[in-house]
């Protein structure tokens, strides 16, 4: 039985030794994996990249603000152009009204000239008739002269 005990002890020692070796290996592997010595330190480079990204973001925001200002200006310009167009239409309507008034006045002037010419013709006709009557002399049959 002694041989068996030695063999059992020897087997137990081998098992314990294997377990200790595995635990030591796991500790060494965990230490290696969880230590930061194998990870490169890009802190300075990362800070520079972070700073550049912030700068780019600020520039993009400035560009967006500028575009917004331009859009607002375009909206104001469009509204101003609409008001100017309305004013031009009103002035054009006023000019058409003035032209109509001038045409009416010209028509009135032409009518007055026609009436004056007709009146002149009537006066000339009246003078001619009066001259003829005077040249005939007094009419004895006319009761107004008696």
N, C-alpha and C. Protein backbone atom coordinates (compact mmCIF):
# COMPACT_ATOMS: atom_id res chain seq x y z
N UNK A 1 0.78 -1.16 0.00
CA UNK A 1 0.00 0.00 0.00
C UNK A 1 0.85 1.26 0.00
N UNK A 2 1.96 1.11 0.38
CA UNK A 2 2.86 2.23 0.43
C UNK A 2 3.18 2.73 -0.96
N UNK A 3 3.25 1.89 -1.85
CA UNK A 3 3.55 2.28 -3.22
C UNK A 3 2.38 3.09 -3.75
N UNK A 4 1.24 2.69 -3.40
CA UNK A 4 0.07 3.43 -3.86
C UNK A 4 0.03 4.81 -3.24
N UNK A 5 0.44 4.91 -1.98
CA UNK A 5 0.40 6.21 -1.33
C UNK A 5 1.42 7.11 -2.01
N UNK A 6 2.57 6.58 -2.32
CA UNK A 6 3.59 7.38 -2.99
C UNK A 6 3.10 7.77 -4.37
N UNK A 7 2.49 6.87 -5.01
CA UNK A 7 1.97 7.19 -6.34
C UNK A 7 0.85 8.22 -6.25
N UNK A 8 -0.01 8.05 -5.22
CA UNK A 8 -1.10 9.03 -5.04
C UNK A 8 -0.52 10.40 -4.71
N UNK A 9 0.50 10.44 -3.85
CA UNK A 9 1.12 11.70 -3.48
C UNK A 9 1.80 12.29 -4.70
N UNK A 10 2.46 11.46 -5.43
CA UNK A 10 3.14 11.92 -6.62
C UNK A 10 2.15 12.45 -7.64
N UNK A 11 1.00 11.82 -7.77
CA UNK A 11 -0.04 12.29 -8.69
C UNK A 11 -0.62 13.61 -8.18
N UNK A 12 -0.84 13.70 -6.85
CA UNK A 12 -1.38 14.92 -6.27
C UNK A 12 -0.40 16.08 -6.45
N UNK A 13 0.89 15.83 -6.26
CA UNK A 13 1.92 16.87 -6.42
C UNK A 13 1.96 17.31 -7.87
N UNK A 14 1.84 16.36 -8.78
CA UNK A 14 1.85 16.69 -10.20
C UNK A 14 0.64 17.57 -10.53
N UNK A 15 -0.52 17.21 -9.97
CA UNK A 15 -1.73 17.99 -10.23
C UNK A 15 -1.59 19.40 -9.65
N UNK A 16 -1.06 19.46 -8.42
CA UNK A 16 -0.88 20.77 -7.78
C UNK A 16 0.14 21.58 -8.57
N UNK A 17 1.17 20.97 -9.03
CA UNK A 17 2.20 21.66 -9.80
C UNK A 17 1.62 22.18 -11.11
N UNK A 18 0.78 21.35 -11.75
CA UNK A 18 0.15 21.79 -13.01
C UNK A 18 -0.79 22.95 -12.73
N UNK A 19 -1.54 22.85 -11.63
CA UNK A 19 -2.47 23.93 -11.29
C UNK A 19 -1.69 25.21 -10.99
N UNK A 20 -0.61 25.12 -10.25
CA UNK A 20 0.22 26.28 -9.91
C UNK A 20 0.81 26.87 -11.19
N UNK A 21 1.28 26.01 -12.08
CA UNK A 21 1.85 26.51 -13.34
C UNK A 21 0.78 27.22 -14.16
N UNK A 22 -0.42 26.63 -14.23
CA UNK A 22 -1.51 27.25 -15.00
C UNK A 22 -1.90 28.58 -14.38
N UNK A 23 -2.00 28.62 -13.04
CA UNK A 23 -2.35 29.88 -12.37
C UNK A 23 -1.28 30.92 -12.62
N UNK A 24 -0.01 30.54 -12.52
CA UNK A 24 1.08 31.48 -12.79
C UNK A 24 1.04 31.97 -14.24
N UNK A 25 0.78 31.04 -15.14
CA UNK A 25 0.67 31.43 -16.55
C UNK A 25 -0.48 32.42 -16.76
N UNK A 26 -1.63 32.12 -16.14
CA UNK A 26 -2.78 33.03 -16.27
C UNK A 26 -2.51 34.39 -15.65
N UNK A 27 -1.81 34.39 -14.54
CA UNK A 27 -1.45 35.67 -13.91
C UNK A 27 -0.50 36.46 -14.81
N UNK A 28 0.46 35.78 -15.38
CA UNK A 28 1.42 36.46 -16.27
C UNK A 28 0.70 36.99 -17.51
N UNK A 29 -0.19 36.16 -18.08
CA UNK A 29 -0.92 36.60 -19.28
C UNK A 29 -1.84 37.76 -18.93
N UNK A 30 -2.52 37.70 -17.79
CA UNK A 30 -3.39 38.80 -17.37
C UNK A 30 -2.60 40.06 -17.11
N UNK A 31 -1.47 39.92 -16.48
CA UNK A 31 -0.61 41.08 -16.22
C UNK A 31 -0.16 41.73 -17.53
N UNK A 32 0.20 40.87 -18.47
CA UNK A 32 0.65 41.39 -19.77
C UNK A 32 -0.50 42.09 -20.49
N UNK A 33 -1.67 41.44 -20.50
CA UNK A 33 -2.81 42.01 -21.23
C UNK A 33 -3.35 43.28 -20.58
N UNK A 34 -3.33 43.31 -19.24
CA UNK A 34 -3.92 44.46 -18.56
C UNK A 34 -2.92 45.56 -18.27
N UNK A 35 -1.68 45.31 -18.49
CA UNK A 35 -0.70 46.38 -18.33
C UNK A 35 -0.73 47.22 -19.61
N UNK A 36 -0.43 48.51 -19.49
CA UNK A 36 -0.50 49.41 -20.64
C UNK A 36 0.86 49.60 -21.28
N UNK A 37 1.80 48.79 -20.91
CA UNK A 37 3.15 48.98 -21.43
C UNK A 37 3.23 48.66 -22.92
N UNK A 38 2.39 47.76 -23.41
CA UNK A 38 2.45 47.40 -24.82
C UNK A 38 1.52 48.26 -25.69
N UNK A 39 0.72 49.14 -25.04
CA UNK A 39 -0.16 50.03 -25.79
C UNK A 39 0.59 51.32 -26.04
N UNK A 40 0.62 51.75 -27.31
CA UNK A 40 1.35 52.96 -27.62
C UNK A 40 0.58 54.17 -27.10
N UNK A 41 1.31 55.18 -26.68
CA UNK A 41 0.72 56.39 -26.14
C UNK A 41 0.65 57.44 -27.25
N UNK A 42 -0.54 57.65 -27.78
CA UNK A 42 -0.75 58.65 -28.81
C UNK A 42 -1.42 59.90 -28.23
N UNK A 43 -1.24 60.17 -26.99
CA UNK A 43 -1.90 61.29 -26.32
C UNK A 43 -1.64 62.61 -27.01
N UNK A 44 -0.37 62.89 -27.32
CA UNK A 44 -0.04 64.16 -27.96
C UNK A 44 -0.63 64.21 -29.37
N UNK A 45 -0.51 63.15 -30.11
CA UNK A 45 -1.08 63.10 -31.47
C UNK A 45 -2.60 63.16 -31.43
N UNK A 46 -3.19 62.45 -30.46
CA UNK A 46 -4.66 62.46 -30.35
C UNK A 46 -5.14 63.86 -29.97
N UNK A 47 -4.40 64.54 -29.10
CA UNK A 47 -4.78 65.91 -28.73
C UNK A 47 -4.72 66.84 -29.94
N UNK A 48 -3.71 66.66 -30.77
CA UNK A 48 -3.59 67.49 -31.98
C UNK A 48 -4.75 67.21 -32.93
N UNK A 49 -5.08 65.95 -33.11
CA UNK A 49 -6.20 65.58 -33.98
C UNK A 49 -7.50 66.14 -33.41
N UNK A 50 -7.68 66.00 -32.11
CA UNK A 50 -8.89 66.51 -31.45
C UNK A 50 -8.99 68.03 -31.65
N UNK A 51 -7.87 68.71 -31.50
CA UNK A 51 -7.85 70.17 -31.68
C UNK A 51 -8.19 70.54 -33.13
N UNK A 52 -7.64 69.80 -34.08
CA UNK A 52 -7.93 70.05 -35.49
C UNK A 52 -9.41 69.80 -35.80
N UNK A 53 -9.96 68.73 -35.23
CA UNK A 53 -11.38 68.44 -35.45
C UNK A 53 -12.27 69.54 -34.88
N UNK A 54 -11.92 70.06 -33.70
CA UNK A 54 -12.68 71.18 -33.13
C UNK A 54 -12.58 72.40 -34.03
N UNK A 55 -11.38 72.67 -34.52
CA UNK A 55 -11.18 73.82 -35.41
C UNK A 55 -12.02 73.67 -36.68
N UNK A 56 -12.01 72.47 -37.25
CA UNK A 56 -12.81 72.22 -38.46
C UNK A 56 -14.30 72.38 -38.15
N UNK A 57 -14.73 71.89 -36.99
CA UNK A 57 -16.13 72.04 -36.58
C UNK A 57 -16.51 73.51 -36.45
N UNK A 58 -15.62 74.30 -35.85
CA UNK A 58 -15.88 75.75 -35.71
C UNK A 58 -15.96 76.42 -37.08
N UNK A 59 -15.06 76.02 -37.98
CA UNK A 59 -15.09 76.60 -39.34
C UNK A 59 -16.37 76.22 -40.07
N UNK A 60 -16.81 74.97 -39.90
CA UNK A 60 -18.06 74.55 -40.53
C UNK A 60 -19.23 75.35 -39.97
N UNK A 61 -19.24 75.57 -38.66
CA UNK A 61 -20.32 76.35 -38.05
C UNK A 61 -20.30 77.78 -38.58
N UNK A 62 -19.10 78.35 -38.73
CA UNK A 62 -18.99 79.70 -39.29
C UNK A 62 -19.51 79.74 -40.72
N UNK A 63 -19.20 78.71 -41.49
CA UNK A 63 -19.69 78.64 -42.87
C UNK A 63 -21.21 78.51 -42.89
N UNK A 64 -21.75 77.70 -42.00
CA UNK A 64 -23.22 77.55 -41.92
C UNK A 64 -23.86 78.89 -41.54
N UNK A 65 -23.26 79.59 -40.58
CA UNK A 65 -23.78 80.90 -40.18
C UNK A 65 -23.74 81.88 -41.36
N UNK A 66 -22.65 81.84 -42.12
CA UNK A 66 -22.54 82.71 -43.29
C UNK A 66 -23.59 82.38 -44.33
N UNK A 67 -23.82 81.10 -44.57
CA UNK A 67 -24.85 80.68 -45.53
C UNK A 67 -26.22 81.13 -45.06
N UNK A 68 -26.47 81.01 -43.76
CA UNK A 68 -27.75 81.45 -43.20
C UNK A 68 -27.93 82.95 -43.40
N UNK A 69 -26.85 83.71 -43.19
CA UNK A 69 -26.92 85.17 -43.42
C UNK A 69 -27.21 85.48 -44.88
N UNK A 70 -26.56 84.74 -45.78
CA UNK A 70 -26.79 84.96 -47.22
C UNK A 70 -28.23 84.63 -47.58
N UNK A 71 -28.75 83.51 -47.04
CA UNK A 71 -30.13 83.14 -47.32
C UNK A 71 -31.09 84.21 -46.81
N UNK A 72 -30.81 84.73 -45.63
CA UNK A 72 -31.65 85.79 -45.08
C UNK A 72 -31.58 87.03 -45.97
N UNK A 73 -30.37 87.37 -46.42
CA UNK A 73 -30.21 88.52 -47.32
C UNK A 73 -30.94 88.32 -48.63
N UNK A 74 -30.90 87.10 -49.15
CA UNK A 74 -31.61 86.80 -50.39
C UNK A 74 -33.11 86.94 -50.19
N UNK A 75 -33.60 86.50 -49.03
CA UNK A 75 -35.02 86.65 -48.74
C UNK A 75 -35.41 88.11 -48.67
N UNK A 76 -34.55 88.93 -48.02
CA UNK A 76 -34.82 90.37 -47.95
C UNK A 76 -34.76 90.99 -49.33
N UNK A 77 -33.80 90.56 -50.15
CA UNK A 77 -33.67 91.10 -51.51
C UNK A 77 -34.89 90.74 -52.36
N UNK A 78 -35.37 89.53 -52.19
CA UNK A 78 -36.55 89.10 -52.93
C UNK A 78 -37.75 89.94 -52.54
N UNK A 79 -37.90 90.18 -51.24
CA UNK A 79 -39.02 91.02 -50.78
C UNK A 79 -38.88 92.43 -51.32
N UNK A 80 -37.66 92.98 -51.31
CA UNK A 80 -37.43 94.33 -51.84
C UNK A 80 -37.73 94.38 -53.33
N UNK A 81 -37.31 93.35 -54.05
CA UNK A 81 -37.58 93.31 -55.49
C UNK A 81 -39.08 93.26 -55.74
N UNK A 82 -39.81 92.52 -54.90
CA UNK A 82 -41.26 92.46 -55.04
C UNK A 82 -41.89 93.83 -54.80
N UNK A 83 -41.41 94.55 -53.77
CA UNK A 83 -41.94 95.90 -53.51
C UNK A 83 -41.61 96.84 -54.66
N UNK A 84 -40.39 96.75 -55.17
CA UNK A 84 -39.99 97.62 -56.29
C UNK A 84 -40.85 97.31 -57.51
N UNK A 85 -41.09 96.03 -57.76
CA UNK A 85 -41.93 95.64 -58.89
C UNK A 85 -43.34 96.21 -58.73
N UNK A 86 -43.87 96.14 -57.50
CA UNK A 86 -45.20 96.71 -57.25
C UNK A 86 -45.20 98.22 -57.48
N UNK A 87 -44.13 98.88 -57.05
CA UNK A 87 -44.04 100.33 -57.25
C UNK A 87 -43.91 100.67 -58.73
N UNK A 88 -43.14 99.88 -59.46
CA UNK A 88 -43.01 100.10 -60.91
C UNK A 88 -44.36 99.91 -61.59
N UNK A 89 -45.10 98.89 -61.16
CA UNK A 89 -46.44 98.67 -61.72
C UNK A 89 -47.35 99.86 -61.43
N UNK A 90 -47.26 100.39 -60.19
CA UNK A 90 -48.09 101.55 -59.82
C UNK A 90 -47.72 102.77 -60.65
N UNK A 91 -46.40 102.98 -60.85
CA UNK A 91 -45.95 104.12 -61.67
C UNK A 91 -46.41 103.93 -63.11
N UNK A 92 -46.29 102.70 -63.62
CA UNK A 92 -46.73 102.43 -65.00
C UNK A 92 -48.22 102.69 -65.14
N UNK A 93 -48.99 102.29 -64.14
CA UNK A 93 -50.45 102.54 -64.17
C UNK A 93 -50.71 104.05 -64.14
N UNK A 94 -49.95 104.77 -63.33
CA UNK A 94 -50.08 106.23 -63.29
C UNK A 94 -49.75 106.86 -64.63
N UNK A 95 -48.71 106.36 -65.28
CA UNK A 95 -48.32 106.89 -66.60
C UNK A 95 -49.42 106.61 -67.62
N UNK A 96 -49.99 105.40 -67.56
CA UNK A 96 -51.09 105.08 -68.48
C UNK A 96 -52.28 106.01 -68.23
N UNK A 97 -52.56 106.28 -66.93
CA UNK A 97 -53.65 107.20 -66.61
C UNK A 97 -53.37 108.60 -67.13
N UNK A 98 -52.12 109.05 -66.98
CA UNK A 98 -51.73 110.37 -67.47
C UNK A 98 -51.84 110.43 -68.99
N UNK A 99 -51.40 109.37 -69.65
CA UNK A 99 -51.50 109.33 -71.11
C UNK A 99 -52.96 109.38 -71.54
N UNK A 100 -53.82 108.69 -70.80
CA UNK A 100 -55.25 108.72 -71.12
C UNK A 100 -55.80 110.13 -70.93
N UNK A 101 -55.39 110.78 -69.85
CA UNK A 101 -55.83 112.15 -69.58
C UNK A 101 -55.34 113.09 -70.67
N UNK A 102 -54.09 112.92 -71.09
CA UNK A 102 -53.54 113.76 -72.17
C UNK A 102 -54.31 113.53 -73.46
N UNK A 103 -54.63 112.26 -73.76
CA UNK A 103 -55.40 111.94 -74.97
C UNK A 103 -56.78 112.58 -74.89
N UNK A 104 -57.41 112.52 -73.70
CA UNK A 104 -58.72 113.14 -73.53
C UNK A 104 -58.62 114.66 -73.72
N UNK A 105 -57.55 115.26 -73.15
CA UNK A 105 -57.36 116.70 -73.28
C UNK A 105 -57.13 117.07 -74.75
N UNK A 106 -56.34 116.26 -75.45
CA UNK A 106 -56.09 116.53 -76.87
C UNK A 106 -57.38 116.43 -77.67
N UNK A 107 -58.19 115.44 -77.33
CA UNK A 107 -59.48 115.30 -78.00
C UNK A 107 -60.36 116.52 -77.72
N UNK A 108 -60.34 117.00 -76.47
CA UNK A 108 -61.09 118.21 -76.13
C UNK A 108 -60.58 119.42 -76.89
N UNK A 109 -59.27 119.53 -77.00
CA UNK A 109 -58.67 120.65 -77.75
C UNK A 109 -59.09 120.58 -79.21
N UNK A 110 -59.03 119.37 -79.79
CA UNK A 110 -59.45 119.22 -81.20
C UNK A 110 -60.92 119.58 -81.37
N UNK A 111 -61.74 119.14 -80.42
CA UNK A 111 -63.16 119.48 -80.49
C UNK A 111 -63.35 120.98 -80.38
N UNK A 112 -62.64 121.63 -79.47
CA UNK A 112 -62.73 123.09 -79.31
C UNK A 112 -62.27 123.80 -80.58
N UNK A 113 -61.21 123.29 -81.19
CA UNK A 113 -60.74 123.89 -82.44
C UNK A 113 -61.78 123.74 -83.55
N UNK A 114 -62.40 122.55 -83.57
CA UNK A 114 -63.45 122.34 -84.57
C UNK A 114 -64.63 123.29 -84.33
N UNK A 115 -65.02 123.45 -83.06
CA UNK A 115 -66.12 124.36 -82.73
C UNK A 115 -65.74 125.79 -83.07
N UNK A 116 -64.48 126.16 -82.74
CA UNK A 116 -64.02 127.53 -83.05
C UNK A 116 -64.01 127.75 -84.55
N UNK A 117 -63.56 126.74 -85.30
CA UNK A 117 -63.54 126.88 -86.77
C UNK A 117 -64.97 126.98 -87.29
N UNK A 118 -65.85 126.17 -86.73
CA UNK A 118 -67.25 126.22 -87.15
C UNK A 118 -67.86 127.57 -86.78
N UNK A 119 -67.52 128.06 -85.59
CA UNK A 119 -68.00 129.38 -85.16
C UNK A 119 -67.47 130.47 -86.07
N UNK A 120 -66.21 130.35 -86.45
CA UNK A 120 -65.62 131.34 -87.36
C UNK A 120 -66.34 131.31 -88.70
N UNK A 121 -66.63 130.09 -89.15
CA UNK A 121 -67.38 129.96 -90.41
C UNK A 121 -68.76 130.60 -90.28
N UNK A 122 -69.43 130.37 -89.15
CA UNK A 122 -70.76 130.95 -88.93
C UNK A 122 -70.69 132.48 -88.85
N UNK A 123 -69.68 132.98 -88.18
CA UNK A 123 -69.51 134.44 -88.09
C UNK A 123 -69.25 135.02 -89.47
N UNK A 124 -68.37 134.34 -90.23
CA UNK A 124 -68.09 134.82 -91.58
C UNK A 124 -69.36 134.79 -92.42
N UNK A 125 -70.17 133.71 -92.27
CA UNK A 125 -71.43 133.61 -93.01
C UNK A 125 -72.39 134.73 -92.58
N UNK A 126 -72.43 134.97 -91.25
CA UNK A 126 -73.30 136.06 -90.75
C UNK A 126 -72.86 137.41 -91.28
N UNK A 127 -71.58 137.67 -91.32
CA UNK A 127 -71.07 138.93 -91.84
C UNK A 127 -71.39 139.07 -93.32
N UNK A 128 -71.26 137.97 -94.04
CA UNK A 128 -71.58 138.01 -95.47
C UNK A 128 -73.06 138.33 -95.69
N UNK A 129 -73.90 137.66 -94.89
CA UNK A 129 -75.35 137.92 -95.03
C UNK A 129 -75.65 139.36 -94.66
N UNK A 130 -75.08 139.86 -93.60
CA UNK A 130 -75.30 141.25 -93.17
C UNK A 130 -74.82 142.22 -94.23
N UNK A 131 -73.72 141.92 -94.84
CA UNK A 131 -73.21 142.78 -95.91
C UNK A 131 -74.17 142.81 -97.08
N UNK A 132 -74.69 141.62 -97.42
CA UNK A 132 -75.64 141.55 -98.53
C UNK A 132 -76.91 142.36 -98.20
N UNK A 133 -77.33 142.25 -96.97
CA UNK A 133 -78.53 142.98 -96.57
C UNK A 133 -78.25 144.48 -96.63
N UNK A 134 -77.18 144.94 -96.22
CA UNK A 134 -76.83 146.36 -96.23
C UNK A 134 -76.70 146.85 -97.67
N UNK A 135 -76.17 145.98 -98.50
CA UNK A 135 -76.00 146.40 -99.89
C UNK A 135 -77.35 146.52 -100.58
N UNK A 136 -78.33 145.74 -100.22
CA UNK A 136 -79.65 145.82 -100.82
C UNK A 136 -80.35 147.12 -100.40
N UNK A 137 -80.00 147.57 -99.26
CA UNK A 137 -80.67 148.77 -98.77
C UNK A 137 -81.92 148.42 -97.99
N UNK A 138 -82.67 149.49 -97.64
CA UNK A 138 -83.89 149.26 -96.87
C UNK A 138 -84.94 148.59 -97.74
N UNK A 139 -85.66 147.70 -97.16
CA UNK A 139 -86.72 146.96 -97.87
C UNK A 139 -88.05 147.61 -97.51
N UNK A 140 -88.79 148.16 -98.54
CA UNK A 140 -90.02 148.84 -98.23
C UNK A 140 -91.05 147.86 -97.70
N UNK A 141 -90.99 146.63 -97.99
CA UNK A 141 -91.98 145.70 -97.50
C UNK A 141 -91.69 145.21 -96.10
N UNK A 142 -90.61 145.58 -95.55
CA UNK A 142 -90.23 145.11 -94.22
C UNK A 142 -90.91 145.96 -93.18
N UNK A 143 -91.71 145.39 -92.33
CA UNK A 143 -92.47 146.10 -91.32
C UNK A 143 -91.57 146.64 -90.24
N UNK A 144 -90.47 146.07 -90.00
CA UNK A 144 -89.61 146.50 -88.92
C UNK A 144 -89.01 147.85 -89.24
N UNK A 145 -88.88 148.20 -90.47
CA UNK A 145 -88.27 149.46 -90.82
C UNK A 145 -89.29 150.57 -90.83
N UNK A 146 -90.54 150.34 -90.91
CA UNK A 146 -91.56 151.39 -90.94
C UNK A 146 -91.65 152.04 -89.66
